[in-house]
Amino acid sequence: MVSILKKEFTSFYSSFLGVGLMLILFLALGLFTWVLEGNLLDFGFAEMSVFFDIIPWFLILFIPTLTMRLFAEEKENQSIDLLKILPISGNQIIMGKILGVFLVILVSLVPTLLYVVSLKVLSIGSELDYSIVVGQYLSLLILAFTLIQISTLASLFTSKQSVAFVVSVFCSYICWEGLMQLKSVIAVNLFDLDYFALKSHFYNLSIGVIRISELVFFLGINLILFKLEVIRFNKILKKRYRIYFL
């Protein structure tokens, strides 16, 4: 599993496209956080709310660019059969790829800590609440891991990277905010759709108080997604093995 994690991590930074995407993400976040209208300086408070309001939308676009190749590329290049001969289980293969992408996201978020330092230096007469900042970063990492799982599952169901990207973005948006928008369209609500939206749980966690109920929700969602990924991956390998055998 560690070897797969290293492969996915190094393959991203070994290409100009990977480094370019990370720089674009950092610069775009900097523009929205510090320059464009409604930035941190406009509010006059020592808080990172603007940054954490905008970054989930960047992750919805950034993460699918990383995960679209995880399995769709393997199927497209006919190299997925090589995964079957590896001396590790399907669970370890999938988790290795997921953790590789998660490590890329983690490294990409490290430069944003400069925003916290800058805000601390610029704040006069008000103190930055570090407990809230820690809670916001923790909730962001949990959200990123969940979005990676959603996008990985989409990659398993498609054989084209472009299709995997579109499906991943669509599914990520639906799980992030789409269910909340759907609530306003449906005339009769049989159950609270807001509860199943990642957005509501993300902001509940980001207030600086770790709630067990929110952690249980994300844990349950990720376990379900991982189980679906394993089932789909094993089904793909069995299908390809039958075709090869015939």
C-alpha atoms as a PDB file:
ATOM      1  CA  MET A   1       0.000   0.000   0.000  1.00  0.00           C
ATOM      2  CA  VAL A   2       2.867   2.375   0.831  1.00  0.00           C
ATOM      3  CA  SER A   3       4.395   1.842  -2.608  1.00  0.00           C
ATOM      4  CA  ILE A   4       1.113   2.766  -4.307  1.00  0.00           C
ATOM      5  CA  LEU A   5       0.802   5.845  -2.069  1.00  0.00           C
ATOM      6  CA  LYS A   6       4.317   6.952  -3.063  1.00  0.00           C
ATOM      7  CA  LYS A   7       3.592   6.297  -6.735  1.00  0.00           C
ATOM      8  CA  GLU A   8       0.431   8.431  -6.750  1.00  0.00           C
ATOM      9  CA  PHE A   9       2.106  11.214  -4.771  1.00  0.00           C
ATOM     10  CA  THR A  10       5.306  11.374  -6.818  1.00  0.00           C
ATOM     11  CA  SER A  11       3.465  11.075 -10.142  1.00  0.00           C
ATOM     12  CA  PHE A  12       1.648  14.324  -9.376  1.00  0.00           C
ATOM     13  CA  TYR A  13       4.730  16.377  -8.515  1.00  0.00           C
ATOM     14  CA  SER A  14       6.924  14.768 -11.179  1.00  0.00           C
ATOM     15  CA  SER A  15       4.969  16.512 -13.934  1.00  0.00           C
ATOM     16  CA  PHE A  16       4.776  20.195 -14.802  1.00  0.00           C
ATOM     17  CA  LEU A  17       0.979  19.908 -14.865  1.00  0.00           C
ATOM     18  CA  GLY A  18       0.868  18.835 -11.220  1.00  0.00           C
ATOM     19  CA  VAL A  19       3.090  21.655  -9.982  1.00  0.00           C
ATOM     20  CA  GLY A  20       1.212  24.099 -12.198  1.00  0.00           C
ATOM     21  CA  LEU A  21      -2.150  23.042 -10.764  1.00  0.00           C
ATOM     22  CA  MET A  22      -0.880  23.529  -7.220  1.00  0.00           C
ATOM     23  CA  LEU A  23       0.439  27.006  -8.037  1.00  0.00           C
ATOM     24  CA  ILE A  24      -2.824  27.954  -9.752  1.00  0.00           C
ATOM     25  CA  LEU A  25      -4.768  26.767  -6.704  1.00  0.00           C
ATOM     26  CA  PHE A  26      -2.591  28.784  -4.325  1.00  0.00           C
ATOM     27  CA  LEU A  27      -2.705  31.955  -6.448  1.00  0.00           C
ATOM     28  CA  ALA A  28      -6.469  31.708  -7.010  1.00  0.00           C
ATOM     29  CA  LEU A  29      -7.085  31.230  -3.292  1.00  0.00           C
ATOM     30  CA  GLY A  30      -4.829  34.213  -2.591  1.00  0.00           C
ATOM     31  CA  LEU A  31      -6.821  36.423  -4.961  1.00  0.00           C
ATOM     32  CA  PHE A  32     -10.167  35.513  -3.440  1.00  0.00           C
ATOM     33  CA  THR A  33      -8.826  35.704   0.113  1.00  0.00           C
ATOM     34  CA  TRP A  34      -6.821  38.937  -0.042  1.00  0.00           C
ATOM     35  CA  VAL A  35      -7.503  40.910  -3.230  1.00  0.00           C
ATOM     36  CA  LEU A  36     -10.993  40.567  -4.704  1.00  0.00           C
ATOM     37  CA  GLU A  37     -14.080  42.210  -3.243  1.00  0.00           C
ATOM     38  CA  GLY A  38     -15.251  40.630  -0.006  1.00  0.00           C
ATOM     39  CA  ASN A  39     -11.746  39.569   1.083  1.00  0.00           C
ATOM     40  CA  LEU A  40     -10.456  39.142   4.620  1.00  0.00           C
ATOM     41  CA  LEU A  41      -9.343  42.757   4.937  1.00  0.00           C
ATOM     42  CA  ASP A  42     -12.818  44.107   4.104  1.00  0.00           C
ATOM     43  CA  PHE A  43     -14.365  42.599   7.226  1.00  0.00           C
ATOM     44  CA  GLY A  44     -11.930  44.089   9.729  1.00  0.00           C
ATOM     45  CA  PHE A  45     -11.979  40.990  11.939  1.00  0.00           C
ATOM     46  CA  ALA A  46      -9.170  38.520  12.684  1.00  0.00           C
ATOM     47  CA  GLU A  47     -10.878  35.443  11.249  1.00  0.00           C
ATOM     48  CA  MET A  48     -10.461  33.081   8.290  1.00  0.00           C
ATOM     49  CA  SER A  49     -14.132  32.698   7.362  1.00  0.00           C
ATOM     50  CA  VAL A  50     -13.696  34.079   3.837  1.00  0.00           C
ATOM     51  CA  PHE A  51     -10.972  31.558   3.062  1.00  0.00           C
ATOM     52  CA  PHE A  52     -12.918  28.583   4.390  1.00  0.00           C
ATOM     53  CA  ASP A  53     -16.072  29.712   2.592  1.00  0.00           C
ATOM     54  CA  ILE A  54     -14.386  29.669  -0.812  1.00  0.00           C
ATOM     55  CA  ILE A  55     -11.921  26.768  -0.595  1.00  0.00           C
ATOM     56  CA  PRO A  56     -14.526  23.929  -0.707  1.00  0.00           C
ATOM     57  CA  TRP A  57     -15.517  25.125  -4.186  1.00  0.00           C
ATOM     58  CA  PHE A  58     -11.894  24.961  -5.303  1.00  0.00           C
ATOM     59  CA  LEU A  59     -11.598  21.439  -3.888  1.00  0.00           C
ATOM     60  CA  ILE A  60     -14.702  20.372  -5.815  1.00  0.00           C
ATOM     61  CA  LEU A  61     -12.806  21.260  -9.007  1.00  0.00           C
ATOM     62  CA  PHE A  62      -9.240  20.467  -7.900  1.00  0.00           C
ATOM     63  CA  ILE A  63      -9.787  17.000  -6.431  1.00  0.00           C
ATOM     64  CA  PRO A  64     -11.442  15.505  -9.568  1.00  0.00           C
ATOM     65  CA  THR A  65      -8.392  16.578 -11.598  1.00  0.00           C
ATOM     66  CA  LEU A  66      -6.315  14.360  -9.299  1.00  0.00           C
ATOM     67  CA  THR A  67      -8.654  11.387  -8.992  1.00  0.00           C
ATOM     68  CA  MET A  68      -9.928  11.138 -12.583  1.00  0.00           C
ATOM     69  CA  ARG A  69      -6.818   9.189 -13.548  1.00  0.00           C
ATOM     70  CA  LEU A  70      -6.696   6.821 -10.562  1.00  0.00           C
ATOM     71  CA  PHE A  71      -8.679   4.007 -12.167  1.00  0.00           C
ATOM     72  CA  ALA A  72     -10.101   5.483 -15.375  1.00  0.00           C
ATOM     73  CA  GLU A  73      -6.545   5.803 -16.728  1.00  0.00           C
ATOM     74  CA  GLU A  74      -5.756   2.246 -15.658  1.00  0.00           C
ATOM     75  CA  LYS A  75      -8.776   0.942 -17.588  1.00  0.00           C
ATOM     76  CA  GLU A  76      -8.132   3.200 -20.545  1.00  0.00           C
ATOM     77  CA  ASN A  77      -4.504   2.042 -20.845  1.00  0.00           C
ATOM     78  CA  GLN A  78      -5.405  -1.612 -20.176  1.00  0.00           C
ATOM     79  CA  SER A  79      -3.006  -1.619 -17.224  1.00  0.00           C
ATOM     80  CA  ILE A  80      -5.559  -2.378 -14.532  1.00  0.00           C
ATOM     81  CA  ASP A  81      -4.788  -6.092 -14.917  1.00  0.00           C
ATOM     82  CA  LEU A  82      -1.356  -5.410 -13.418  1.00  0.00           C
ATOM     83  CA  LEU A  83      -3.025  -4.441 -10.147  1.00  0.00           C
ATOM     84  CA  LYS A  84      -4.385  -7.968  -9.808  1.00  0.00           C
ATOM     85  CA  ILE A  85      -0.919  -9.532  -9.644  1.00  0.00           C
ATOM     86  CA  LEU A  86       0.279  -7.213  -6.890  1.00  0.00           C
ATOM     87  CA  PRO A  87       0.836  -9.011  -3.542  1.00  0.00           C
ATOM     88  CA  ILE A  88      -1.716  -6.811  -1.772  1.00  0.00           C
ATOM     89  CA  SER A  89      -5.481  -6.842  -1.432  1.00  0.00           C
ATOM     90  CA  GLY A  90      -7.946  -4.672  -3.317  1.00  0.00           C
ATOM     91  CA  ASN A  91      -8.625  -2.754  -0.108  1.00  0.00           C
ATOM     92  CA  GLN A  92      -4.960  -1.796   0.162  1.00  0.00           C
ATOM     93  CA  ILE A  93      -4.754  -0.799  -3.509  1.00  0.00           C
ATOM     94  CA  ILE A  94      -7.730   1.540  -3.216  1.00  0.00           C
ATOM     95  CA  MET A  95      -6.629   2.992   0.113  1.00  0.00           C
ATOM     96  CA  GLY A  96      -3.103   3.532  -1.193  1.00  0.00           C
ATOM     97  CA  LYS A  97      -4.414   5.554  -4.131  1.00  0.00           C
ATOM     98  CA  ILE A  98      -6.792   7.543  -1.921  1.00  0.00           C
ATOM     99  CA  LEU A  99      -4.097   8.350   0.636  1.00  0.00           C
ATOM    100  CA  GLY A 100      -1.729   9.346  -2.167  1.00  0.00           C
ATOM    101  CA  VAL A 101      -4.206  11.962  -3.396  1.00  0.00           C
ATOM    102  CA  PHE A 102      -4.953  13.040   0.180  1.00  0.00           C
ATOM    103  CA  LEU A 103      -1.240  13.618   0.778  1.00  0.00           C
ATOM    104  CA  VAL A 104      -1.140  15.819  -2.327  1.00  0.00           C
ATOM    105  CA  ILE A 105      -4.040  17.871  -0.950  1.00  0.00           C
ATOM    106  CA  LEU A 106      -2.352  18.088   2.437  1.00  0.00           C
ATOM    107  CA  VAL A 107       0.890  19.397   0.921  1.00  0.00           C
ATOM    108  CA  SER A 108      -1.068  21.833  -1.260  1.00  0.00           C
ATOM    109  CA  LEU A 109      -2.767  23.283   1.825  1.00  0.00           C
ATOM    110  CA  VAL A 110       0.470  23.827   3.761  1.00  0.00           C
ATOM    111  CA  PRO A 111       1.276  27.153   1.978  1.00  0.00           C
ATOM    112  CA  THR A 112      -2.132  28.497   3.049  1.00  0.00           C
ATOM    113  CA  LEU A 113      -0.818  28.587   6.617  1.00  0.00           C
ATOM    114  CA  LEU A 114       0.898  31.780   5.478  1.00  0.00           C
ATOM    115  CA  TYR A 115      -2.556  33.337   5.418  1.00  0.00           C
ATOM    116  CA  VAL A 116      -2.928  32.603   9.135  1.00  0.00           C
ATOM    117  CA  VAL A 117       0.471  34.115   9.905  1.00  0.00           C
ATOM    118  CA  SER A 118      -0.279  37.171   7.752  1.00  0.00           C
ATOM    119  CA  LEU A 119      -3.652  37.693   9.388  1.00  0.00           C
ATOM    120  CA  LYS A 120      -2.040  37.460  12.823  1.00  0.00           C
ATOM    121  CA  VAL A 121       0.551  40.089  11.870  1.00  0.00           C
ATOM    122  CA  LEU A 122      -2.026  42.434  10.334  1.00  0.00           C
ATOM    123  CA  SER A 123      -4.566  42.139  13.142  1.00  0.00           C
ATOM    124  CA  ILE A 124      -4.495  45.097  15.501  1.00  0.00           C
ATOM    125  CA  GLY A 125      -6.685  45.266  18.571  1.00  0.00           C
ATOM    126  CA  SER A 126      -8.164  41.790  18.047  1.00  0.00           C
ATOM    127  CA  GLU A 127      -6.823  38.310  18.675  1.00  0.00           C
ATOM    128  CA  LEU A 128      -7.010  35.448  16.216  1.00  0.00           C
ATOM    129  CA  ASP A 129      -8.898  32.506  17.731  1.00  0.00           C
ATOM    130  CA  TYR A 130      -6.586  29.588  16.969  1.00  0.00           C
ATOM    131  CA  SER A 131      -9.064  26.984  18.234  1.00  0.00           C
ATOM    132  CA  ILE A 132     -11.481  28.018  15.488  1.00  0.00           C
ATOM    133  CA  VAL A 133      -8.702  27.994  12.873  1.00  0.00           C
ATOM    134  CA  VAL A 134      -7.636  24.484  13.929  1.00  0.00           C
ATOM    135  CA  GLY A 135     -11.256  23.322  13.775  1.00  0.00           C
ATOM    136  CA  GLN A 136     -11.641  24.847  10.315  1.00  0.00           C
ATOM    137  CA  TYR A 137      -8.532  23.136   8.978  1.00  0.00           C
ATOM    138  CA  LEU A 138      -9.583  19.832  10.549  1.00  0.00           C
ATOM    139  CA  SER A 139     -13.037  20.053   8.981  1.00  0.00           C
ATOM    140  CA  LEU A 140     -11.404  20.979   5.658  1.00  0.00           C
ATOM    141  CA  LEU A 141      -9.187  17.882   5.714  1.00  0.00           C
ATOM    142  CA  ILE A 142     -12.161  15.656   6.547  1.00  0.00           C
ATOM    143  CA  LEU A 143     -14.150  17.222   3.727  1.00  0.00           C
ATOM    144  CA  ALA A 144     -11.225  16.782   1.312  1.00  0.00           C
ATOM    145  CA  PHE A 145     -10.917  13.091   2.196  1.00  0.00           C
ATOM    146  CA  THR A 146     -14.656  12.606   1.624  1.00  0.00           C
ATOM    147  CA  LEU A 147     -14.539  14.381  -1.742  1.00  0.00           C
ATOM    148  CA  ILE A 148     -11.578  12.202  -2.731  1.00  0.00           C
ATOM    149  CA  GLN A 149     -13.638   9.120  -1.971  1.00  0.00           C
ATOM    150  CA  ILE A 150     -16.574  10.415  -4.011  1.00  0.00           C
ATOM    151  CA  SER A 151     -14.322  11.194  -6.972  1.00  0.00           C
ATOM    152  CA  THR A 152     -12.494   7.864  -6.689  1.00  0.00           C
ATOM    153  CA  LEU A 153     -15.785   6.012  -6.877  1.00  0.00           C
ATOM    154  CA  ALA A 154     -16.662   7.994  -9.999  1.00  0.00           C
ATOM    155  CA  SER A 155     -13.311   7.036 -11.526  1.00  0.00           C
ATOM    156  CA  LEU A 156     -14.071   3.369 -10.886  1.00  0.00           C
ATOM    157  CA  PHE A 157     -17.347   3.576 -12.814  1.00  0.00           C
ATOM    158  CA  THR A 158     -15.862   5.195 -15.923  1.00  0.00           C
ATOM    159  CA  SER A 159     -13.129   4.321 -18.409  1.00  0.00           C
ATOM    160  CA  LYS A 160     -12.452   7.849 -19.703  1.00  0.00           C
ATOM    161  CA  GLN A 161     -10.657  10.470 -17.637  1.00  0.00           C
ATOM    162  CA  SER A 162     -12.723  13.323 -19.056  1.00  0.00           C
ATOM    163  CA  VAL A 163     -15.957  11.544 -18.136  1.00  0.00           C
ATOM    164  CA  ALA A 164     -14.576  10.728 -14.700  1.00  0.00           C
ATOM    165  CA  PHE A 165     -13.804  14.424 -14.136  1.00  0.00           C
ATOM    166  CA  VAL A 166     -17.298  15.598 -15.114  1.00  0.00           C
ATOM    167  CA  VAL A 167     -19.030  12.891 -13.061  1.00  0.00           C
ATOM    168  CA  SER A 168     -16.785  13.626 -10.068  1.00  0.00           C
ATOM    169  CA  VAL A 169     -17.517  17.357 -10.145  1.00  0.00           C
ATOM    170  CA  PHE A 170     -21.249  16.734 -10.488  1.00  0.00           C
ATOM    171  CA  CYS A 171     -21.398  14.169  -7.668  1.00  0.00           C
ATOM    172  CA  SER A 172     -19.205  16.324  -5.424  1.00  0.00           C
ATOM    173  CA  TYR A 173     -21.478  19.322  -5.935  1.00  0.00           C
ATOM    174  CA  ILE A 174     -24.608  17.262  -5.238  1.00  0.00           C
ATOM    175  CA  CYS A 175     -23.121  15.920  -2.014  1.00  0.00           C
ATOM    176  CA  TRP A 176     -21.762  19.344  -1.005  1.00  0.00           C
ATOM    177  CA  GLU A 177     -24.728  21.645  -1.633  1.00  0.00           C
ATOM    178  CA  GLY A 178     -26.967  20.101  -4.289  1.00  0.00           C
ATOM    179  CA  LEU A 179     -29.150  18.296  -1.767  1.00  0.00           C
ATOM    180  CA  MET A 180     -29.812  21.582   0.022  1.00  0.00           C
ATOM    181  CA  GLN A 181     -30.846  23.185  -3.283  1.00  0.00           C
ATOM    182  CA  LEU A 182     -33.030  20.200  -4.094  1.00  0.00           C
ATOM    183  CA  LYS A 183     -34.916  20.747  -0.865  1.00  0.00           C
ATOM    184  CA  SER A 184     -36.236  24.073  -2.134  1.00  0.00           C
ATOM    185  CA  VAL A 185     -37.463  22.412  -5.350  1.00  0.00           C
ATOM    186  CA  ILE A 186     -39.291  19.470  -3.790  1.00  0.00           C
ATOM    187  CA  ALA A 187     -42.700  20.536  -2.555  1.00  0.00           C
ATOM    188  CA  VAL A 188     -43.001  17.772   0.038  1.00  0.00           C
ATOM    189  CA  ASN A 189     -40.029  16.922   2.230  1.00  0.00           C
ATOM    190  CA  LEU A 190     -40.240  13.368   3.527  1.00  0.00           C
ATOM    191  CA  PHE A 191     -36.946  13.831   5.373  1.00  0.00           C
ATOM    192  CA  ASP A 192     -34.417  16.552   6.056  1.00  0.00           C
ATOM    193  CA  LEU A 193     -32.140  16.703   3.005  1.00  0.00           C
ATOM    194  CA  ASP A 194     -29.914  19.262   4.741  1.00  0.00           C
ATOM    195  CA  TYR A 195     -28.690  16.532   7.079  1.00  0.00           C
ATOM    196  CA  PHE A 196     -27.176  14.591   4.181  1.00  0.00           C
ATOM    197  CA  ALA A 197     -25.413  17.628   2.699  1.00  0.00           C
ATOM    198  CA  LEU A 198     -21.694  17.814   3.446  1.00  0.00           C
ATOM    199  CA  LYS A 199     -21.872  21.599   3.661  1.00  0.00           C
ATOM    200  CA  SER A 200     -23.946  21.678   6.841  1.00  0.00           C
ATOM    201  CA  HIS A 201     -21.679  19.203   8.650  1.00  0.00           C
ATOM    202  CA  PHE A 202     -18.550  20.966   7.415  1.00  0.00           C
ATOM    203  CA  TYR A 203     -19.616  24.285   8.958  1.00  0.00           C
ATOM    204  CA  ASN A 204     -20.777  22.572  12.152  1.00  0.00           C
ATOM    205  CA  LEU A 205     -17.271  21.171  12.588  1.00  0.00           C
ATOM    206  CA  SER A 206     -15.487  24.388  11.624  1.00  0.00           C
ATOM    207  CA  ILE A 207     -16.783  26.433  14.568  1.00  0.00           C
ATOM    208  CA  GLY A 208     -13.946  25.129  16.742  1.00  0.00           C
ATOM    209  CA  VAL A 209     -15.957  22.576  18.703  1.00  0.00           C
ATOM    210  CA  ILE A 210     -15.425  18.913  17.793  1.00  0.00           C
ATOM    211  CA  ARG A 211     -18.819  17.226  17.828  1.00  0.00           C
ATOM    212  CA  ILE A 212     -18.972  13.440  17.963  1.00  0.00           C
ATOM    213  CA  SER A 213     -22.154  13.409  15.862  1.00  0.00           C
ATOM    214  CA  GLU A 214     -20.409  15.215  13.002  1.00  0.00           C
ATOM    215  CA  LEU A 215     -17.406  12.887  13.135  1.00  0.00           C
ATOM    216  CA  VAL A 216     -19.724   9.873  13.128  1.00  0.00           C
ATOM    217  CA  PHE A 217     -21.513  11.236  10.050  1.00  0.00           C
ATOM    218  CA  PHE A 218     -18.288  11.667   8.073  1.00  0.00           C
ATOM    219  CA  LEU A 219     -16.976   8.317   9.280  1.00  0.00           C
ATOM    220  CA  GLY A 220     -20.168   6.575   8.160  1.00  0.00           C
ATOM    221  CA  ILE A 221     -20.155   8.268   4.754  1.00  0.00           C
ATOM    222  CA  ASN A 222     -16.511   7.363   4.147  1.00  0.00           C
ATOM    223  CA  LEU A 223     -16.978   3.754   5.209  1.00  0.00           C
ATOM    224  CA  ILE A 224     -19.930   3.397   2.826  1.00  0.00           C
ATOM    225  CA  LEU A 225     -18.000   4.983  -0.042  1.00  0.00           C
ATOM    226  CA  PHE A 226     -14.960   2.802   0.599  1.00  0.00           C
ATOM    227  CA  LYS A 227     -17.091  -0.344   0.678  1.00  0.00           C
ATOM    228  CA  LEU A 228     -18.686   0.620  -2.648  1.00  0.00           C
ATOM    229  CA  GLU A 229     -15.222   1.243  -4.109  1.00  0.00           C
ATOM    230  CA  VAL A 230     -14.001  -2.188  -3.040  1.00  0.00           C
ATOM    231  CA  ILE A 231     -17.097  -3.896  -4.443  1.00  0.00           C
ATOM    232  CA  ARG A 232     -16.754  -2.060  -7.768  1.00  0.00           C
ATOM    233  CA  PHE A 233     -13.007  -2.688  -8.001  1.00  0.00           C
ATOM    234  CA  ASN A 234     -13.379  -6.423  -7.367  1.00  0.00           C
ATOM    235  CA  LYS A 235     -16.203  -6.592  -9.892  1.00  0.00           C
ATOM    236  CA  ILE A 236     -14.014  -4.944 -12.543  1.00  0.00           C
ATOM    237  CA  LEU A 237     -11.168  -7.376 -11.929  1.00  0.00           C
ATOM    238  CA  LYS A 238     -13.449 -10.414 -12.024  1.00  0.00           C
ATOM    239  CA  LYS A 239     -15.084  -9.252 -15.239  1.00  0.00           C
ATOM    240  CA  ARG A 240     -11.758  -8.651 -16.938  1.00  0.00           C
ATOM    241  CA  TYR A 241     -10.462 -12.029 -15.699  1.00  0.00           C
ATOM    242  CA  ARG A 242     -13.460 -13.825 -17.241  1.00  0.00           C
ATOM    243  CA  ILE A 243     -12.930 -12.046 -20.565  1.00  0.00           C
ATOM    244  CA  TYR A 244      -9.231 -12.930 -20.527  1.00  0.00           C
ATOM    245  CA  PHE A 245      -9.973 -16.557 -19.644  1.00  0.00           C
ATOM    246  CA  LEU A 246     -12.531 -16.942 -22.463  1.00  0.00           C
END
